[in-house]
Amino acid sequence: LILTIALSLFALSGLLAQEKYEYAMLNVLYDIAFIATGKVDPIELGQKENKYVAVINKLNQLAENGWEVIGVTESAPTSSTGTNQPFLKYHLRKKKN
């Protein structure tokens, strides 16, 4: 009986202690956009700023604000001009308070 109660309390505490996360994506194709719950924020590039430098800068800024990259998806869709541009999606999460 004591063992059953102890195991039940352990299982219940594990369920209550599950982390809650907010999820988002940083999409990179011809432009860059940060997509989180209910909002899409385009990332403006400086006149001479490299797109991929801007992506790294944004990821560093997001990391400072508690976001972590949990995966990256890459595909190469064909554009109307016949060139392949890599389409990157950085999948992120942040612990909810």
C-alpha atoms as a PDB file:
ATOM      1  CA  LEU A   1       0.000   0.000   0.000  1.00  0.00           C
ATOM      2  CA  ILE A   2       2.799   2.419   0.885  1.00  0.00           C
ATOM      3  CA  LEU A   3       4.611   1.528  -2.332  1.00  0.00           C
ATOM      4  CA  THR A   4       1.438   2.158  -4.366  1.00  0.00           C
ATOM      5  CA  ILE A   5       0.953   5.581  -2.760  1.00  0.00           C
ATOM      6  CA  ALA A   6       4.609   6.491  -3.309  1.00  0.00           C
ATOM      7  CA  LEU A   7       4.470   5.471  -6.982  1.00  0.00           C
ATOM      8  CA  SER A   8       1.199   7.376  -7.478  1.00  0.00           C
ATOM      9  CA  LEU A   9       2.672  10.541  -5.958  1.00  0.00           C
ATOM     10  CA  PHE A  10       5.795  10.188  -8.095  1.00  0.00           C
ATOM     11  CA  ALA A  11       3.722   9.809 -11.282  1.00  0.00           C
ATOM     12  CA  LEU A  12       1.501  12.754 -10.343  1.00  0.00           C
ATOM     13  CA  SER A  13       4.466  15.009  -9.592  1.00  0.00           C
ATOM     14  CA  GLY A  14       5.963  14.124 -12.990  1.00  0.00           C
ATOM     15  CA  LEU A  15       2.766  15.159 -14.743  1.00  0.00           C
ATOM     16  CA  LEU A  16       2.539  18.417 -12.845  1.00  0.00           C
ATOM     17  CA  ALA A  17       6.193  19.261 -13.480  1.00  0.00           C
ATOM     18  CA  GLN A  18       5.983  19.080 -17.284  1.00  0.00           C
ATOM     19  CA  GLU A  19       7.496  22.132 -18.931  1.00  0.00           C
ATOM     20  CA  LYS A  20       5.233  24.417 -20.965  1.00  0.00           C
ATOM     21  CA  TYR A  21       6.633  25.967 -24.135  1.00  0.00           C
ATOM     22  CA  GLU A  22       5.739  28.587 -26.702  1.00  0.00           C
ATOM     23  CA  TYR A  23       6.726  27.664 -30.257  1.00  0.00           C
ATOM     24  CA  ALA A  24       7.791  29.825 -33.205  1.00  0.00           C
ATOM     25  CA  MET A  25       9.596  29.725 -36.552  1.00  0.00           C
ATOM     26  CA  LEU A  26      12.125  31.897 -38.310  1.00  0.00           C
ATOM     27  CA  ASN A  27      11.478  31.469 -42.049  1.00  0.00           C
ATOM     28  CA  VAL A  28      14.147  32.335 -44.602  1.00  0.00           C
ATOM     29  CA  LEU A  29      13.490  32.363 -48.344  1.00  0.00           C
ATOM     30  CA  TYR A  30      13.727  35.604 -50.315  1.00  0.00           C
ATOM     31  CA  ASP A  31      12.924  37.471 -47.138  1.00  0.00           C
ATOM     32  CA  ILE A  32      13.067  36.668 -43.428  1.00  0.00           C
ATOM     33  CA  ALA A  33      10.093  36.449 -41.073  1.00  0.00           C
ATOM     34  CA  PHE A  34       9.708  35.545 -37.393  1.00  0.00           C
ATOM     35  CA  ILE A  35       6.408  33.765 -36.819  1.00  0.00           C
ATOM     36  CA  ALA A  36       5.069  33.295 -33.299  1.00  0.00           C
ATOM     37  CA  THR A  37       1.630  32.887 -31.783  1.00  0.00           C
ATOM     38  CA  GLY A  38      -0.682  35.263 -33.600  1.00  0.00           C
ATOM     39  CA  LYS A  39       1.962  37.413 -35.274  1.00  0.00           C
ATOM     40  CA  VAL A  40       4.317  37.569 -38.236  1.00  0.00           C
ATOM     41  CA  ASP A  41       7.260  39.962 -37.940  1.00  0.00           C
ATOM     42  CA  PRO A  42       9.246  40.561 -41.131  1.00  0.00           C
ATOM     43  CA  ILE A  43      12.961  41.133 -40.556  1.00  0.00           C
ATOM     44  CA  GLU A  44      14.249  44.146 -42.443  1.00  0.00           C
ATOM     45  CA  LEU A  45      17.709  43.881 -43.997  1.00  0.00           C
ATOM     46  CA  GLY A  46      20.147  46.757 -44.049  1.00  0.00           C
ATOM     47  CA  GLN A  47      21.120  48.007 -47.496  1.00  0.00           C
ATOM     48  CA  LYS A  48      24.413  46.074 -47.537  1.00  0.00           C
ATOM     49  CA  GLU A  49      23.522  43.392 -44.976  1.00  0.00           C
ATOM     50  CA  ASN A  50      23.866  39.761 -46.015  1.00  0.00           C
ATOM     51  CA  LYS A  51      20.648  37.774 -45.515  1.00  0.00           C
ATOM     52  CA  TYR A  52      22.378  34.948 -43.660  1.00  0.00           C
ATOM     53  CA  VAL A  53      24.264  37.328 -41.366  1.00  0.00           C
ATOM     54  CA  ALA A  54      20.878  38.870 -40.526  1.00  0.00           C
ATOM     55  CA  VAL A  55      19.512  35.382 -39.740  1.00  0.00           C
ATOM     56  CA  ILE A  56      22.396  34.639 -37.353  1.00  0.00           C
ATOM     57  CA  ASN A  57      21.984  38.045 -35.698  1.00  0.00           C
ATOM     58  CA  LYS A  58      18.249  37.420 -35.242  1.00  0.00           C
ATOM     59  CA  LEU A  59      18.841  33.918 -33.839  1.00  0.00           C
ATOM     60  CA  ASN A  60      21.369  35.347 -31.355  1.00  0.00           C
ATOM     61  CA  GLN A  61      18.866  38.028 -30.320  1.00  0.00           C
ATOM     62  CA  LEU A  62      16.130  35.409 -29.878  1.00  0.00           C
ATOM     63  CA  ALA A  63      18.490  33.216 -27.805  1.00  0.00           C
ATOM     64  CA  GLU A  64      19.158  36.156 -25.487  1.00  0.00           C
ATOM     65  CA  ASN A  65      15.375  36.394 -25.017  1.00  0.00           C
ATOM     66  CA  GLY A  66      15.041  32.734 -24.018  1.00  0.00           C
ATOM     67  CA  TRP A  67      14.327  31.102 -27.385  1.00  0.00           C
ATOM     68  CA  GLU A  68      16.187  27.941 -28.387  1.00  0.00           C
ATOM     69  CA  VAL A  69      16.470  26.341 -31.813  1.00  0.00           C
ATOM     70  CA  ILE A  70      15.029  22.821 -31.681  1.00  0.00           C
ATOM     71  CA  GLY A  71      15.301  21.982 -35.369  1.00  0.00           C
ATOM     72  CA  VAL A  72      15.936  23.240 -38.882  1.00  0.00           C
ATOM     73  CA  THR A  73      14.045  22.240 -42.020  1.00  0.00           C
ATOM     74  CA  GLU A  74      15.549  22.902 -45.442  1.00  0.00           C
ATOM     75  CA  SER A  75      14.024  22.577 -48.883  1.00  0.00           C
ATOM     76  CA  ALA A  76      14.849  24.061 -52.270  1.00  0.00           C
ATOM     77  CA  PRO A  77      11.699  25.137 -54.121  1.00  0.00           C
ATOM     78  CA  THR A  78      12.055  26.243 -57.735  1.00  0.00           C
ATOM     79  CA  SER A  79      11.216  29.907 -58.208  1.00  0.00           C
ATOM     80  CA  SER A  80       9.440  31.347 -61.241  1.00  0.00           C
ATOM     81  CA  THR A  81      12.842  32.307 -62.647  1.00  0.00           C
ATOM     82  CA  GLY A  82      14.032  28.700 -62.587  1.00  0.00           C
ATOM     83  CA  THR A  83      16.628  29.124 -59.838  1.00  0.00           C
ATOM     84  CA  ASN A  84      16.658  27.208 -56.584  1.00  0.00           C
ATOM     85  CA  GLN A  85      16.712  29.236 -53.395  1.00  0.00           C
ATOM     86  CA  PRO A  86      17.129  27.278 -50.161  1.00  0.00           C
ATOM     87  CA  PHE A  87      14.040  27.631 -47.980  1.00  0.00           C
ATOM     88  CA  LEU A  88      15.052  27.379 -44.326  1.00  0.00           C
ATOM     89  CA  LYS A  89      12.741  27.102 -41.332  1.00  0.00           C
ATOM     90  CA  TYR A  90      14.296  27.422 -37.901  1.00  0.00           C
ATOM     91  CA  HIS A  91      11.948  25.851 -35.352  1.00  0.00           C
ATOM     92  CA  LEU A  92      12.183  27.490 -31.928  1.00  0.00           C
ATOM     93  CA  ARG A  93      10.731  27.130 -28.472  1.00  0.00           C
ATOM     94  CA  LYS A  94      10.750  29.168 -25.282  1.00  0.00           C
ATOM     95  CA  LYS A  95       9.688  28.169 -21.791  1.00  0.00           C
ATOM     96  CA  LYS A  96       6.456  29.773 -20.703  1.00  0.00           C
ATOM     97  CA  ASN A  97       6.515  31.526 -17.350  1.00  0.00           C
END
